[in-house]
Amino acid sequence: MSADEQKREYVLNAIASYSTQQEAAIALGTSPRVVSQWNTNKAKPRDLAVRVVQLLGVLKDAGLEVPPPLDF
């Protein structure tokens, strides 16, 4: 498996841990459309998405709640 495939699989596994694509998009700081494109292999997650997933995992492991999205 190539590095890009591993990154994609890593992000997709994180997305699958949410009940909806919208919840996953909020947690990852992106839009549901982008999450849908990742799921259908129309786009691949960038390194930033991988880092966000890693940071979310660290926060959860530390017992911290993921902050809610900002409302402007």
PDB file of N, CA and C in Angstrom:
ATOM      1  N   MET A   1       0.843  -1.170   0.000  1.00  0.00           N
ATOM      2  CA  MET A   1       0.000   0.000   0.000  1.00  0.00           C
ATOM      3  C   MET A   1       0.895   1.242   0.000  1.00  0.00           C
ATOM      4  N   SER A   2       0.604   2.161  -0.900  1.00  0.00           N
ATOM      5  CA  SER A   2       1.409   3.381  -1.003  1.00  0.00           C
ATOM      6  C   SER A   2       1.096   4.332   0.158  1.00  0.00           C
ATOM      7  N   ALA A   3       1.933   5.333   0.312  1.00  0.00           N
ATOM      8  CA  ALA A   3       1.736   6.317   1.383  1.00  0.00           C
ATOM      9  C   ALA A   3       0.417   7.066   1.203  1.00  0.00           C
ATOM     10  N   ASP A   4       0.081   7.428  -0.038  1.00  0.00           N
ATOM     11  CA  ASP A   4      -1.188   8.124  -0.288  1.00  0.00           C
ATOM     12  C   ASP A   4      -2.380   7.241   0.060  1.00  0.00           C
ATOM     13  N   GLU A   5      -2.293   5.964  -0.271  1.00  0.00           N
ATOM     14  CA  GLU A   5      -3.375   5.039   0.063  1.00  0.00           C
ATOM     15  C   GLU A   5      -3.512   4.877   1.573  1.00  0.00           C
ATOM     16  N   GLN A   6      -2.389   4.841   2.272  1.00  0.00           N
ATOM     17  CA  GLN A   6      -2.426   4.728   3.728  1.00  0.00           C
ATOM     18  C   GLN A   6      -3.059   5.970   4.355  1.00  0.00           C
ATOM     19  N   LYS A   7      -2.714   7.146   3.844  1.00  0.00           N
ATOM     20  CA  LYS A   7      -3.306   8.388   4.347  1.00  0.00           C
ATOM     21  C   LYS A   7      -4.817   8.379   4.134  1.00  0.00           C
ATOM     22  N   ARG A   8      -5.226   7.992   2.931  1.00  0.00           N
ATOM     23  CA  ARG A   8      -6.654   7.962   2.609  1.00  0.00           C
ATOM     24  C   ARG A   8      -7.380   6.991   3.531  1.00  0.00           C
ATOM     25  N   GLU A   9      -6.829   5.809   3.711  1.00  0.00           N
ATOM     26  CA  GLU A   9      -7.442   4.799   4.574  1.00  0.00           C
ATOM     27  C   GLU A   9      -7.544   5.304   6.014  1.00  0.00           C
ATOM     28  N   TYR A  10      -6.518   5.967   6.474  1.00  0.00           N
ATOM     29  CA  TYR A  10      -6.487   6.518   7.829  1.00  0.00           C
ATOM     30  C   TYR A  10      -7.616   7.531   8.025  1.00  0.00           C
ATOM     31  N   VAL A  11      -7.766   8.442   7.075  1.00  0.00           N
ATOM     32  CA  VAL A  11      -8.806   9.461   7.169  1.00  0.00           C
ATOM     33  C   VAL A  11     -10.189   8.828   7.025  1.00  0.00           C
ATOM     34  N   LEU A  12     -10.343   7.878   6.118  1.00  0.00           N
ATOM     35  CA  LEU A  12     -11.642   7.229   5.939  1.00  0.00           C
ATOM     36  C   LEU A  12     -12.062   6.467   7.186  1.00  0.00           C
ATOM     37  N   ASN A  13     -11.128   5.839   7.868  1.00  0.00           N
ATOM     38  CA  ASN A  13     -11.450   5.155   9.122  1.00  0.00           C
ATOM     39  C   ASN A  13     -11.932   6.150  10.168  1.00  0.00           C
ATOM     40  N   ALA A  14     -11.316   7.311  10.205  1.00  0.00           N
ATOM     41  CA  ALA A  14     -11.752   8.347  11.148  1.00  0.00           C
ATOM     42  C   ALA A  14     -13.153   8.837  10.795  1.00  0.00           C
ATOM     43  N   ILE A  15     -13.412   9.021   9.517  1.00  0.00           N
ATOM     44  CA  ILE A  15     -14.738   9.464   9.074  1.00  0.00           C
ATOM     45  C   ILE A  15     -15.794   8.436   9.463  1.00  0.00           C
ATOM     46  N   ALA A  16     -15.466   7.172   9.322  1.00  0.00           N
ATOM     47  CA  ALA A  16     -16.415   6.102   9.636  1.00  0.00           C
ATOM     48  C   ALA A  16     -16.782   6.064  11.116  1.00  0.00           C
ATOM     49  N   SER A  17     -15.972   6.672  11.965  1.00  0.00           N
ATOM     50  CA  SER A  17     -16.276   6.664  13.396  1.00  0.00           C
ATOM     51  C   SER A  17     -17.392   7.650  13.757  1.00  0.00           C
ATOM     52  N   TYR A  18     -17.803   8.485  12.822  1.00  0.00           N
ATOM     53  CA  TYR A  18     -18.904   9.427  13.048  1.00  0.00           C
ATOM     54  C   TYR A  18     -20.174   8.866  12.428  1.00  0.00           C
ATOM     55  N   SER A  19     -21.314   9.246  12.992  1.00  0.00           N
ATOM     56  CA  SER A  19     -22.578   8.684  12.506  1.00  0.00           C
ATOM     57  C   SER A  19     -23.008   9.268  11.159  1.00  0.00           C
ATOM     58  N   THR A  20     -22.570  10.480  10.852  1.00  0.00           N
ATOM     59  CA  THR A  20     -22.903  11.076   9.555  1.00  0.00           C
ATOM     60  C   THR A  20     -21.672  11.758   8.962  1.00  0.00           C
ATOM     61  N   GLN A  21     -21.723  11.956   7.652  1.00  0.00           N
ATOM     62  CA  GLN A  21     -20.637  12.674   6.989  1.00  0.00           C
ATOM     63  C   GLN A  21     -20.590  14.120   7.461  1.00  0.00           C
ATOM     64  N   GLN A  22     -21.750  14.673   7.801  1.00  0.00           N
ATOM     65  CA  GLN A  22     -21.782  16.054   8.277  1.00  0.00           C
ATOM     66  C   GLN A  22     -21.044  16.184   9.606  1.00  0.00           C
ATOM     67  N   GLU A  23     -21.248  15.239  10.521  1.00  0.00           N
ATOM     68  CA  GLU A  23     -20.530  15.269  11.796  1.00  0.00           C
ATOM     69  C   GLU A  23     -19.031  15.120  11.571  1.00  0.00           C
ATOM     70  N   ALA A  24     -18.660  14.238  10.662  1.00  0.00           N
ATOM     71  CA  ALA A  24     -17.242  14.049  10.352  1.00  0.00           C
ATOM     72  C   ALA A  24     -16.651  15.325   9.769  1.00  0.00           C
ATOM     73  N   ALA A  25     -17.393  15.966   8.886  1.00  0.00           N
ATOM     74  CA  ALA A  25     -16.913  17.204   8.268  1.00  0.00           C
ATOM     75  C   ALA A  25     -16.696  18.290   9.314  1.00  0.00           C
ATOM     76  N   ILE A  26     -17.622  18.408  10.259  1.00  0.00           N
ATOM     77  CA  ILE A  26     -17.481  19.414  11.317  1.00  0.00           C
ATOM     78  C   ILE A  26     -16.241  19.122  12.145  1.00  0.00           C
ATOM     79  N   ALA A  27     -16.061  17.867  12.521  1.00  0.00           N
ATOM     80  CA  ALA A  27     -14.909  17.495  13.350  1.00  0.00           C
ATOM     81  C   ALA A  27     -13.591  17.722  12.618  1.00  0.00           C
ATOM     82  N   LEU A  28     -13.582  17.476  11.314  1.00  0.00           N
ATOM     83  CA  LEU A  28     -12.352  17.619  10.535  1.00  0.00           C
ATOM     84  C   LEU A  28     -12.156  19.034   9.999  1.00  0.00           C
ATOM     85  N   GLY A  29     -13.123  19.899  10.231  1.00  0.00           N
ATOM     86  CA  GLY A  29     -12.989  21.282   9.786  1.00  0.00           C
ATOM     87  C   GLY A  29     -13.109  21.451   8.288  1.00  0.00           C
ATOM     88  N   THR A  30     -13.954  20.645   7.674  1.00  0.00           N
ATOM     89  CA  THR A  30     -14.154  20.741   6.235  1.00  0.00           C
ATOM     90  C   THR A  30     -15.646  20.662   5.941  1.00  0.00           C
ATOM     91  N   SER A  31     -16.004  20.556   4.688  1.00  0.00           N
ATOM     92  CA  SER A  31     -17.419  20.505   4.323  1.00  0.00           C
ATOM     93  C   SER A  31     -17.853  19.066   4.046  1.00  0.00           C
ATOM     94  N   PRO A  32     -19.158  18.787   4.173  1.00  0.00           N
ATOM     95  CA  PRO A  32     -19.650  17.444   3.845  1.00  0.00           C
ATOM     96  C   PRO A  32     -19.340  17.049   2.398  1.00  0.00           C
ATOM     97  N   ARG A  33     -19.302  18.037   1.509  1.00  0.00           N
ATOM     98  CA  ARG A  33     -18.984  17.747   0.100  1.00  0.00           C
ATOM     99  C   ARG A  33     -17.575  17.164  -0.034  1.00  0.00           C
ATOM    100  N   VAL A  34     -16.628  17.740   0.697  1.00  0.00           N
ATOM    101  CA  VAL A  34     -15.247  17.246   0.649  1.00  0.00           C
ATOM    102  C   VAL A  34     -15.179  15.833   1.216  1.00  0.00           C
ATOM    103  N   VAL A  35     -15.867  15.597   2.324  1.00  0.00           N
ATOM    104  CA  VAL A  35     -15.887  14.260   2.924  1.00  0.00           C
ATOM    105  C   VAL A  35     -16.486  13.259   1.942  1.00  0.00           C
ATOM    106  N   SER A  36     -17.544  13.656   1.263  1.00  0.00           N
ATOM    107  CA  SER A  36     -18.166  12.786   0.266  1.00  0.00           C
ATOM    108  C   SER A  36     -17.195  12.473  -0.869  1.00  0.00           C
ATOM    109  N   GLN A  37     -16.438  13.463  -1.309  1.00  0.00           N
ATOM    110  CA  GLN A  37     -15.462  13.235  -2.379  1.00  0.00           C
ATOM    111  C   GLN A  37     -14.369  12.284  -1.924  1.00  0.00           C
ATOM    112  N   TRP A  38     -13.960  12.380  -0.660  1.00  0.00           N
ATOM    113  CA  TRP A  38     -12.966  11.439  -0.141  1.00  0.00           C
ATOM    114  C   TRP A  38     -13.541  10.027  -0.125  1.00  0.00           C
ATOM    115  N   ASN A  39     -14.797   9.910   0.315  1.00  0.00           N
ATOM    116  CA  ASN A  39     -15.425   8.591   0.412  1.00  0.00           C
ATOM    117  C   ASN A  39     -15.600   7.931  -0.945  1.00  0.00           C
ATOM    118  N   THR A  40     -15.850   8.717  -1.973  1.00  0.00           N
ATOM    119  CA  THR A  40     -16.076   8.162  -3.307  1.00  0.00           C
ATOM    120  C   THR A  40     -14.813   8.156  -4.162  1.00  0.00           C
ATOM    121  N   ASN A  41     -13.688   8.491  -3.548  1.00  0.00           N
ATOM    122  CA  ASN A  41     -12.384   8.475  -4.217  1.00  0.00           C
ATOM    123  C   ASN A  41     -12.290   9.485  -5.363  1.00  0.00           C
ATOM    124  N   LYS A  42     -13.093  10.552  -5.300  1.00  0.00           N
ATOM    125  CA  LYS A  42     -12.995  11.619  -6.294  1.00  0.00           C
ATOM    126  C   LYS A  42     -11.909  12.618  -5.919  1.00  0.00           C
ATOM    127  N   ALA A  43     -11.515  12.587  -4.670  1.00  0.00           N
ATOM    128  CA  ALA A  43     -10.434  13.441  -4.171  1.00  0.00           C
ATOM    129  C   ALA A  43      -9.727  12.681  -3.070  1.00  0.00           C
ATOM    130  N   LYS A  44      -8.486  13.052  -2.828  1.00  0.00           N
ATOM    131  CA  LYS A  44      -7.760  12.382  -1.746  1.00  0.00           C
ATOM    132  C   LYS A  44      -7.441  13.380  -0.645  1.00  0.00           C
ATOM    133  N   PRO A  45      -7.496  12.908   0.595  1.00  0.00           N
ATOM    134  CA  PRO A  45      -7.206  13.807   1.711  1.00  0.00           C
ATOM    135  C   PRO A  45      -5.774  14.326   1.643  1.00  0.00           C
ATOM    136  N   ARG A  46      -5.597  15.558   1.980  1.00  0.00           N
ATOM    137  CA  ARG A  46      -4.261  16.148   2.021  1.00  0.00           C
ATOM    138  C   ARG A  46      -3.627  15.877   3.373  1.00  0.00           C
ATOM    139  N   ASP A  47      -2.371  16.191   3.483  1.00  0.00           N
ATOM    140  CA  ASP A  47      -1.649  15.948   4.732  1.00  0.00           C
ATOM    141  C   ASP A  47      -2.290  16.666   5.917  1.00  0.00           C
ATOM    142  N   LEU A  48      -2.883  17.826   5.669  1.00  0.00           N
ATOM    143  CA  LEU A  48      -3.531  18.556   6.754  1.00  0.00           C
ATOM    144  C   LEU A  48      -4.676  17.741   7.355  1.00  0.00           C
ATOM    145  N   ALA A  49      -5.449  17.071   6.522  1.00  0.00           N
ATOM    146  CA  ALA A  49      -6.548  16.246   7.031  1.00  0.00           C
ATOM    147  C   ALA A  49      -6.015  15.118   7.903  1.00  0.00           C
ATOM    148  N   VAL A  50      -4.904  14.533   7.501  1.00  0.00           N
ATOM    149  CA  VAL A  50      -4.289  13.463   8.291  1.00  0.00           C
ATOM    150  C   VAL A  50      -3.852  14.008   9.647  1.00  0.00           C
ATOM    151  N   ARG A  51      -3.264  15.187   9.670  1.00  0.00           N
ATOM    152  CA  ARG A  51      -2.828  15.795  10.935  1.00  0.00           C
ATOM    153  C   ARG A  51      -4.022  16.122  11.837  1.00  0.00           C
ATOM    154  N   VAL A  52      -5.102  16.594  11.242  1.00  0.00           N
ATOM    155  CA  VAL A  52      -6.299  16.893  12.034  1.00  0.00           C
ATOM    156  C   VAL A  52      -6.825  15.624  12.685  1.00  0.00           C
ATOM    157  N   VAL A  53      -6.871  14.525  11.936  1.00  0.00           N
ATOM    158  CA  VAL A  53      -7.326  13.248  12.493  1.00  0.00           C
ATOM    159  C   VAL A  53      -6.411  12.824  13.637  1.00  0.00           C
ATOM    160  N   GLN A  54      -5.109  12.984  13.449  1.00  0.00           N
ATOM    161  CA  GLN A  54      -4.166  12.626  14.512  1.00  0.00           C
ATOM    162  C   GLN A  54      -4.399  13.481  15.756  1.00  0.00           C
ATOM    163  N   LEU A  55      -4.578  14.771  15.571  1.00  0.00           N
ATOM    164  CA  LEU A  55      -4.803  15.664  16.706  1.00  0.00           C
ATOM    165  C   LEU A  55      -6.113  15.348  17.420  1.00  0.00           C
ATOM    166  N   LEU A  56      -7.161  15.031  16.663  1.00  0.00           N
ATOM    167  CA  LEU A  56      -8.427  14.648  17.282  1.00  0.00           C
ATOM    168  C   LEU A  56      -8.255  13.388  18.122  1.00  0.00           C
ATOM    169  N   GLY A  57      -7.476  12.439  17.615  1.00  0.00           N
ATOM    170  CA  GLY A  57      -7.210  11.213  18.363  1.00  0.00           C
ATOM    171  C   GLY A  57      -6.472  11.483  19.657  1.00  0.00           C
ATOM    172  N   VAL A  58      -5.495  12.361  19.610  1.00  0.00           N
ATOM    173  CA  VAL A  58      -4.734  12.713  20.814  1.00  0.00           C
ATOM    174  C   VAL A  58      -5.645  13.387  21.840  1.00  0.00           C
ATOM    175  N   LEU A  59      -6.500  14.290  21.375  1.00  0.00           N
ATOM    176  CA  LEU A  59      -7.431  14.957  22.288  1.00  0.00           C
ATOM    177  C   LEU A  59      -8.370  13.957  22.951  1.00  0.00           C
ATOM    178  N   LYS A  60      -8.917  13.046  22.157  1.00  0.00           N
ATOM    179  CA  LYS A  60      -9.836  12.042  22.705  1.00  0.00           C
ATOM    180  C   LYS A  60      -9.120  11.129  23.688  1.00  0.00           C
ATOM    181  N   ASP A  61      -7.908  10.712  23.355  1.00  0.00           N
ATOM    182  CA  ASP A  61      -7.136   9.837  24.248  1.00  0.00           C
ATOM    183  C   ASP A  61      -6.799  10.533  25.565  1.00  0.00           C
ATOM    184  N   ALA A  62      -6.657  11.849  25.520  1.00  0.00           N
ATOM    185  CA  ALA A  62      -6.357  12.618  26.724  1.00  0.00           C
ATOM    186  C   ALA A  62      -7.617  12.927  27.533  1.00  0.00           C
ATOM    187  N   GLY A  63      -8.770  12.492  27.018  1.00  0.00           N
ATOM    188  CA  GLY A  63     -10.026  12.721  27.723  1.00  0.00           C
ATOM    189  C   GLY A  63     -10.611  14.100  27.509  1.00  0.00           C
ATOM    190  N   LEU A  64     -10.136  14.792  26.486  1.00  0.00           N
ATOM    191  CA  LEU A  64     -10.636  16.139  26.196  1.00  0.00           C
ATOM    192  C   LEU A  64     -11.714  16.082  25.125  1.00  0.00           C
ATOM    193  N   GLU A  65     -12.694  16.942  25.270  1.00  0.00           N
ATOM    194  CA  GLU A  65     -13.755  17.036  24.274  1.00  0.00           C
ATOM    195  C   GLU A  65     -13.258  17.850  23.080  1.00  0.00           C
ATOM    196  N   VAL A  66     -13.679  17.454  21.914  1.00  0.00           N
ATOM    197  CA  VAL A  66     -13.351  18.226  20.720  1.00  0.00           C
ATOM    198  C   VAL A  66     -14.184  19.501  20.775  1.00  0.00           C
ATOM    199  N   PRO A  67     -13.567  20.657  20.572  1.00  0.00           N
ATOM    200  CA  PRO A  67     -14.331  21.904  20.667  1.00  0.00           C
ATOM    201  C   PRO A  67     -15.392  21.992  19.573  1.00  0.00           C
ATOM    202  N   PRO A  68     -16.503  22.647  19.878  1.00  0.00           N
ATOM    203  CA  PRO A  68     -17.539  22.807  18.854  1.00  0.00           C
ATOM    204  C   PRO A  68     -17.056  23.763  17.770  1.00  0.00           C
ATOM    205  N   PRO A  69     -17.666  23.697  16.597  1.00  0.00           N
ATOM    206  CA  PRO A  69     -17.265  24.613  15.532  1.00  0.00           C
ATOM    207  C   PRO A  69     -17.583  26.055  15.910  1.00  0.00           C
ATOM    208  N   LEU A  70     -16.784  26.959  15.407  1.00  0.00           N
ATOM    209  CA  LEU A  70     -17.019  28.381  15.649  1.00  0.00           C
ATOM    210  C   LEU A  70     -18.203  28.851  14.819  1.00  0.00           C
ATOM    211  N   ASP A  71     -18.995  29.704  15.405  1.00  0.00           N
ATOM    212  CA  ASP A  71     -20.142  30.264  14.699  1.00  0.00           C
ATOM    213  C   ASP A  71     -19.908  31.756  14.535  1.00  0.00           C
ATOM    214  N   PHE A  72     -19.714  32.189  13.310  1.00  0.00           N
ATOM    215  CA  PHE A  72     -19.435  33.601  13.055  1.00  0.00           C
ATOM    216  C   PHE A  72     -20.692  34.330  12.662  1.00  0.00           C
TER     217      PHE A  72
END
